[in-house]
């Protein structure tokens, strides 16, 4: 077996962080029971934070980010997987303090992996990735609460999670109101299937200026936090639900009890990194079938290792649209 592979290594020197594609060695990987040759990874906001040296995400450097990976098992000490199995690994500690999918190989506990479900190939699984899984967990929370129709409001709709949530909800027949600060009408309407689009300031003016706002939405999926999340809580209908999974705008939440005691609203947190493995399997199976976005290939851009630093910076600056999928060369 080859011992060397390429990967994006983030290093720290005198408090300055830098990223560079380097030749790495299998001996650098942890001693876990599943060695996987990574075919594809994907880019997430958490990866951009890790690559920039955010100690809230990654404590130890040098480090290889990448919280998503899809590939083929090349060695296994687990009875649950054998050589040649195609697998997906997302979340847990991958790409945080365990070297991740921006390297050509990963070695992880077998409990972190699931088999690639029927209906997806490896690239499609990373086109979805953590963003698709997080969106799927949000959708599952909402439909499991008995909300099966109506208008859904989704924030950060051109971003990773938001674009996936918009595409899934529109496929399921919901009317989707997409909140976005970008002028991406064609992408939002034609590719993702949004029914209407609101600029962030428009949304805040209409839905976050009073303790309660017009009850226009059956549910909401928030990916940004702060005042947008507050406005969603104020504007869901009786017994509506808002899921929360991100804080790219703000980690603060200013609200009153009125949405909860007058409309029975539910605020549901989504933590895809530590989600139960059986829940993951359920949602991945749905993402591979009924929930698979109609135009998934148009939602992603494939890149190589040399493009990673630039694209990670775009994520940090909020300039990304849709998803970036990293392809490792054989």
Protein backbone atom coordinates (compact mmCIF):
# COMPACT_ATOMS: atom_id res chain seq x y z
CA UNK A 1 0.00 0.00 0.00
CA UNK A 2 1.23 3.49 -0.79
CA UNK A 3 2.32 5.34 2.33
CA UNK A 4 2.25 8.92 1.05
CA UNK A 5 -0.66 11.11 -0.02
CA UNK A 6 -1.43 14.75 -0.74
CA UNK A 7 -3.39 16.98 1.58
CA UNK A 8 -3.96 20.56 2.67
CA UNK A 9 -1.88 21.09 5.80
CA UNK A 10 -2.62 24.07 8.05
CA UNK A 11 0.42 25.13 10.07
CA UNK A 12 1.05 27.71 12.77
CA UNK A 13 4.22 29.73 13.23
CA UNK A 14 4.52 32.68 15.61
CA UNK A 15 0.74 32.94 15.78
CA UNK A 16 0.36 33.10 11.99
CA UNK A 17 -1.61 30.35 10.24
CA UNK A 18 -0.89 29.24 6.68
CA UNK A 19 -2.31 26.53 4.40
CA UNK A 20 -0.29 24.58 1.87
CA UNK A 21 -0.74 21.40 -0.17
CA UNK A 22 1.90 18.98 1.07
CA UNK A 23 2.91 15.33 0.81
CA UNK A 24 1.75 13.57 3.97
CA UNK A 25 2.26 10.06 5.33
CA UNK A 26 -0.10 7.38 6.64
CA UNK A 27 2.03 7.30 9.79
CA UNK A 28 0.71 10.80 10.57
CA UNK A 29 -2.86 9.50 10.91
CA UNK A 30 -4.36 8.33 14.23
CA UNK A 31 -4.46 4.63 15.11
CA UNK A 32 -8.18 4.03 14.60
CA UNK A 33 -9.77 0.94 13.05
CA UNK A 34 -10.87 2.16 9.60
CA UNK A 35 -8.46 3.41 6.93
CA UNK A 36 -10.28 5.11 4.05
CA UNK A 37 -8.95 6.36 0.73
CA UNK A 38 -10.79 9.64 0.23
CA UNK A 39 -12.22 10.22 -3.24
CA UNK A 40 -14.23 13.33 -2.44
CA UNK A 41 -14.68 15.86 0.34
CA UNK A 42 -16.64 19.10 0.52
CA UNK A 43 -16.19 22.58 1.93
CA UNK A 44 -18.05 23.85 4.97
CA UNK A 45 -17.92 26.99 7.07
CA UNK A 46 -16.38 25.00 9.92
CA UNK A 47 -13.54 23.97 7.58
CA UNK A 48 -12.87 27.63 6.82
CA UNK A 49 -12.72 28.37 10.54
CA UNK A 50 -10.32 25.48 11.11
CA UNK A 51 -8.07 26.57 8.23
CA UNK A 52 -7.93 30.10 9.63
CA UNK A 53 -6.74 28.85 13.03
CA UNK A 54 -9.96 29.17 15.00
CA UNK A 55 -9.14 27.42 18.30
CA UNK A 56 -12.83 26.89 18.98
CA UNK A 57 -12.80 24.37 16.12
CA UNK A 58 -9.24 23.03 16.03
CA UNK A 59 -6.88 23.09 19.00
CA UNK A 60 -3.83 21.28 17.60
CA UNK A 61 -1.71 22.21 14.60
CA UNK A 62 -0.39 21.24 12.08
CA UNK A 63 -3.76 19.95 10.95
CA UNK A 64 -5.68 18.72 7.91
CA UNK A 65 -9.26 20.12 7.85
CA UNK A 66 -12.29 18.58 6.15
CA UNK A 67 -15.32 17.56 8.20
CA UNK A 68 -16.68 15.52 5.26
CA UNK A 69 -15.19 12.56 3.42
CA UNK A 70 -16.41 9.88 1.03
CA UNK A 71 -14.27 7.07 -0.23
CA UNK A 72 -13.31 3.42 -0.14
CA UNK A 73 -12.19 1.33 2.83
CA UNK A 74 -8.65 0.06 2.24
CA UNK A 75 -8.06 -1.51 5.67
CA UNK A 76 -10.44 -2.41 8.48
CA UNK A 77 -10.10 -3.79 12.00
CA UNK A 78 -13.89 -3.68 12.37
CA UNK A 79 -16.32 -6.51 11.70
CA UNK A 80 -18.76 -3.93 10.34
CA UNK A 81 -16.71 -2.97 7.29
CA UNK A 82 -14.49 -4.77 4.81
CA UNK A 83 -11.95 -3.67 2.23
CA UNK A 84 -13.69 -2.16 -0.80
CA UNK A 85 -16.75 -0.81 1.03
CA UNK A 86 -17.83 2.65 -0.12
CA UNK A 87 -18.47 4.84 2.91
CA UNK A 88 -19.40 8.34 4.06
CA UNK A 89 -17.92 10.03 7.13
CA UNK A 90 -19.27 13.37 8.33
CA UNK A 91 -19.05 15.21 11.62
CA UNK A 92 -17.95 13.77 14.95
CA UNK A 93 -14.33 14.96 15.33
CA UNK A 94 -13.36 14.56 11.67
CA UNK A 95 -11.59 17.66 10.38
CA UNK A 96 -11.63 19.28 13.81
CA UNK A 97 -8.86 17.61 15.81
CA UNK A 98 -8.77 14.41 13.76
CA UNK A 99 -7.17 14.85 10.34
CA UNK A 100 -9.97 15.17 7.82
CA UNK A 101 -11.14 14.90 4.25
CA UNK A 102 -8.78 17.49 2.76
CA UNK A 103 -6.20 14.70 2.86
CA UNK A 104 -6.13 11.74 0.48
CA UNK A 105 -6.57 9.28 3.37
CA UNK A 106 -8.30 9.34 6.76
CA UNK A 107 -8.22 6.86 9.63
CA UNK A 108 -11.28 6.98 11.88
CA UNK A 109 -13.33 4.90 14.33
CA UNK A 110 -15.71 2.61 12.47
CA UNK A 111 -18.63 4.12 14.43
CA UNK A 112 -18.19 7.34 12.45
CA UNK A 113 -18.77 5.72 9.05
CA UNK A 114 -21.92 4.68 7.22
CA UNK A 115 -22.17 2.74 4.00
CA UNK A 116 -22.92 4.73 0.88
CA UNK A 117 -26.70 4.36 0.44
CA UNK A 118 -28.22 3.08 -2.79
CA UNK A 119 -29.12 5.99 -5.03
CA UNK A 120 -25.96 8.03 -4.43
CA UNK A 121 -22.45 7.85 -5.84
CA UNK A 122 -19.45 9.14 -3.91
CA UNK A 123 -19.44 12.55 -5.57
CA UNK A 124 -23.17 13.05 -4.96
CA UNK A 125 -22.73 12.14 -1.31
CA UNK A 126 -20.21 14.97 -0.94
CA UNK A 127 -22.33 17.31 -3.04
CA UNK A 128 -24.73 16.86 -0.14
CA UNK A 129 -22.18 16.38 2.65
CA UNK A 130 -22.64 17.89 6.09
CA UNK A 131 -24.73 20.67 4.53
CA UNK A 132 -27.17 18.20 3.03
CA UNK A 133 -27.27 16.10 6.18
CA UNK A 134 -27.91 19.17 8.34
CA UNK A 135 -30.65 20.32 5.99
CA UNK A 136 -32.11 16.82 6.01
CA UNK A 137 -32.12 16.64 9.80
CA UNK A 138 -33.95 19.98 9.87
CA UNK A 139 -36.51 18.78 7.34
CA UNK A 140 -37.01 15.56 9.29
CA UNK A 141 -37.61 17.50 12.52
CA UNK A 142 -40.26 19.59 10.79
CA UNK A 143 -42.15 16.83 8.98
CA UNK A 144 -41.95 14.57 12.05
CA UNK A 145 -43.78 17.33 13.95
CA UNK A 146 -46.69 16.91 11.55
CA UNK A 147 -45.93 19.93 9.36
CA UNK A 148 -46.45 18.55 5.87
CA UNK A 149 -47.52 21.56 3.82
CA UNK A 150 -47.50 25.32 3.72
CA UNK A 151 -44.85 28.01 3.39
CA UNK A 152 -41.36 27.48 4.80
CA UNK A 153 -38.94 30.36 5.36
CA UNK A 154 -35.24 29.52 4.94
CA UNK A 155 -32.31 31.81 5.73
CA UNK A 156 -28.90 31.80 4.07
CA UNK A 157 -30.63 30.26 1.09
CA UNK A 158 -27.69 30.51 -1.32
CA UNK A 159 -25.29 28.92 1.18
CA UNK A 160 -24.58 25.24 1.72
CA UNK A 161 -27.27 24.25 4.23
CA UNK A 162 -29.75 26.84 3.00
CA UNK A 163 -29.52 25.81 -0.64
CA UNK A 164 -29.97 22.14 0.26
CA UNK A 165 -32.92 22.88 2.54
CA UNK A 166 -34.55 25.01 -0.16
CA UNK A 167 -34.13 22.31 -2.79
CA UNK A 168 -35.45 19.54 -0.51
CA UNK A 169 -38.45 21.49 0.76
CA UNK A 170 -39.47 22.62 -2.71
CA UNK A 171 -39.22 19.03 -3.95
CA UNK A 172 -41.54 17.96 -1.11
CA UNK A 173 -44.14 20.45 -2.30
CA UNK A 174 -43.69 23.25 0.23
CA UNK A 175 -43.77 26.89 -0.82
CA UNK A 176 -40.31 28.20 0.05
CA UNK A 177 -39.58 31.81 0.95
CA UNK A 178 -35.83 32.21 0.61
CA UNK A 179 -33.97 34.87 2.59
CA UNK A 180 -30.73 35.95 0.97
CA UNK A 181 -28.42 38.93 0.83
CA UNK A 182 -27.29 37.96 -2.67
CA UNK A 183 -29.03 38.81 -5.94
CA UNK A 184 -29.27 35.23 -7.14
CA UNK A 185 -32.84 35.03 -8.44
CA UNK A 186 -32.14 32.46 -11.17
CA UNK A 187 -30.22 30.16 -8.81
CA UNK A 188 -32.83 30.46 -6.06
CA UNK A 189 -35.90 30.06 -8.25
CA UNK A 190 -34.85 27.89 -11.20
CA UNK A 191 -32.20 25.66 -9.62
CA UNK A 192 -33.38 25.44 -6.01
CA UNK A 193 -37.12 25.91 -6.53
CA UNK A 194 -37.82 28.86 -4.21
CA UNK A 195 -41.29 30.36 -4.63
CA UNK A 196 -40.37 33.82 -3.36
CA UNK A 197 -37.26 35.70 -2.27
CA UNK A 198 -36.81 38.24 0.52
CA UNK A 199 -33.78 40.43 1.06
CA UNK A 200 -32.51 40.21 4.63
CA UNK A 201 -33.46 43.79 5.42
CA UNK A 202 -36.94 43.29 3.97
CA UNK A 203 -37.45 40.26 6.19
CA UNK A 204 -36.21 42.02 9.32
CA UNK A 205 -38.36 45.10 8.71
CA UNK A 206 -41.51 43.03 8.27
CA UNK A 207 -40.96 40.25 10.80
CA UNK A 208 -38.57 41.43 13.53
CA UNK A 209 -39.81 44.89 14.47
CA UNK A 210 -42.47 43.81 17.01
CA UNK A 211 -42.81 41.15 19.73
CA UNK A 212 -45.07 39.17 17.36
CA UNK A 213 -45.29 39.44 13.59
CA UNK A 214 -47.78 38.21 10.98
CA UNK A 215 -47.99 34.41 11.20
CA UNK A 216 -47.07 33.74 7.58
CA UNK A 217 -44.94 30.59 7.81
CA UNK A 218 -45.67 27.00 8.78
CA UNK A 219 -42.03 26.53 9.77
CA UNK A 220 -38.57 28.00 9.38
CA UNK A 221 -35.04 26.70 8.85
CA UNK A 222 -32.45 29.15 10.14
CA UNK A 223 -28.78 28.84 9.28
CA UNK A 224 -27.45 32.22 10.41
CA UNK A 225 -28.69 33.06 13.92
CA UNK A 226 -29.24 36.50 15.42
CA UNK A 227 -32.07 38.77 14.33
CA UNK A 228 -33.12 36.51 11.44
CA UNK A 229 -33.78 33.66 13.88
CA UNK A 230 -35.68 36.03 16.14
CA UNK A 231 -37.86 37.14 13.21
CA UNK A 232 -38.60 33.56 12.23
CA UNK A 233 -39.78 32.70 15.74
CA UNK A 234 -42.12 35.70 15.69
CA UNK A 235 -43.66 34.81 12.33
CA UNK A 236 -44.45 31.08 12.43
CA UNK A 237 -48.06 29.96 12.64
CA UNK A 238 -49.76 28.22 15.55
CA UNK A 239 -47.68 25.20 16.63
CA UNK A 240 -45.03 26.06 14.07
CA UNK A 241 -41.38 25.08 14.33
CA UNK A 242 -38.07 26.78 13.63
CA UNK A 243 -34.87 24.78 13.39
CA UNK A 244 -31.54 26.40 14.18
CA UNK A 245 -28.15 25.12 13.03
CA UNK A 246 -25.79 28.06 12.48
CA UNK A 247 -24.43 31.35 13.77
CA UNK A 248 -22.69 32.90 10.77
CA UNK A 249 -24.58 36.18 11.37
CA UNK A 250 -24.67 36.09 15.17
CA UNK A 251 -24.63 33.70 18.11
CA UNK A 252 -27.07 35.94 19.97
CA UNK A 253 -30.82 35.45 20.16
CA UNK A 254 -33.06 38.26 21.41
CA UNK A 255 -36.68 37.22 21.75
CA UNK A 256 -39.64 37.20 24.10
CA UNK A 257 -41.70 34.29 25.35
CA UNK A 258 -44.68 35.35 23.21
CA UNK A 259 -44.01 33.05 20.21
CA UNK A 260 -43.87 30.13 22.63
CA UNK A 261 -46.79 30.88 24.95
CA UNK A 262 -49.17 32.51 22.45
CA UNK A 263 -48.50 30.42 19.33
CA UNK A 264 -46.96 27.26 20.74
CA UNK A 265 -43.83 27.70 18.64
CA UNK A 266 -40.97 25.22 18.94
CA UNK A 267 -37.29 26.09 18.54
CA UNK A 268 -35.38 22.93 17.62
CA UNK A 269 -31.58 22.85 17.63
CA UNK A 270 -29.77 20.78 15.00
CA UNK A 271 -26.32 19.38 15.81
CA UNK A 272 -25.36 17.29 12.80
CA UNK A 273 -21.84 16.61 14.11
CA UNK A 274 -23.11 14.48 17.02
CA UNK A 275 -26.41 13.27 15.56
CA UNK A 276 -27.34 9.69 16.42
CA UNK A 277 -25.99 7.23 13.84
CA UNK A 278 -29.41 5.67 13.22
CA UNK A 279 -30.94 9.10 12.58
CA UNK A 280 -28.08 9.80 10.17
CA UNK A 281 -28.74 6.55 8.30
CA UNK A 282 -32.45 7.36 8.04
CA UNK A 283 -31.80 10.84 6.64
CA UNK A 284 -29.04 9.69 4.27
CA UNK A 285 -31.43 7.08 2.86
CA UNK A 286 -34.01 9.82 2.24
CA UNK A 287 -31.37 12.11 0.69
CA UNK A 288 -30.52 9.28 -1.68
CA UNK A 289 -34.16 8.85 -2.74
CA UNK A 290 -37.24 10.99 -2.11
CA UNK A 291 -35.32 14.01 -0.81
CA UNK A 292 -32.54 14.03 -3.41
CA UNK A 293 -32.55 17.52 -5.01
CA UNK A 294 -33.71 17.54 -8.63
CA UNK A 295 -30.74 19.58 -9.87
CA UNK A 296 -28.04 18.54 -7.42
CA UNK A 297 -25.28 18.70 -10.03
CA UNK A 298 -26.09 22.37 -10.73
CA UNK A 299 -25.78 23.24 -7.04
CA UNK A 300 -22.11 22.27 -6.78
CA UNK A 301 -18.74 23.24 -8.20
CA UNK A 302 -15.95 20.66 -8.30
CA UNK A 303 -12.49 21.90 -7.27
CA UNK A 304 -9.00 20.52 -6.68
CA UNK A 305 -6.64 20.78 -3.71
CA UNK A 306 -4.84 23.80 -5.14
CA UNK A 307 -8.09 25.80 -5.15
CA UNK A 308 -8.92 25.10 -1.51
CA UNK A 309 -7.35 28.19 0.15
CA UNK A 310 -9.21 30.58 -2.17
CA UNK A 311 -12.56 28.84 -1.77
CA UNK A 312 -12.20 28.62 2.02
CA UNK A 313 -11.62 32.37 2.10
CA UNK A 314 -14.80 32.86 0.03
CA UNK A 315 -16.71 30.87 2.65
CA UNK A 316 -15.34 33.04 5.45
CA UNK A 317 -16.36 36.19 3.60
CA UNK A 318 -19.87 34.91 2.84
CA UNK A 319 -19.28 34.96 -0.91
CA UNK A 320 -19.88 31.27 -1.64
CA UNK A 321 -22.92 30.08 -3.60
CA UNK A 322 -24.13 26.52 -3.29
CA UNK A 323 -21.53 23.86 -2.56
CA UNK A 324 -17.88 23.21 -3.37
CA UNK A 325 -16.87 19.57 -3.79
CA UNK A 326 -13.20 18.61 -3.50
CA UNK A 327 -11.99 15.83 -5.78
CA UNK A 328 -8.81 14.03 -4.80
CA UNK A 329 -6.68 12.89 -7.72
CA UNK A 330 -5.89 9.17 -7.86
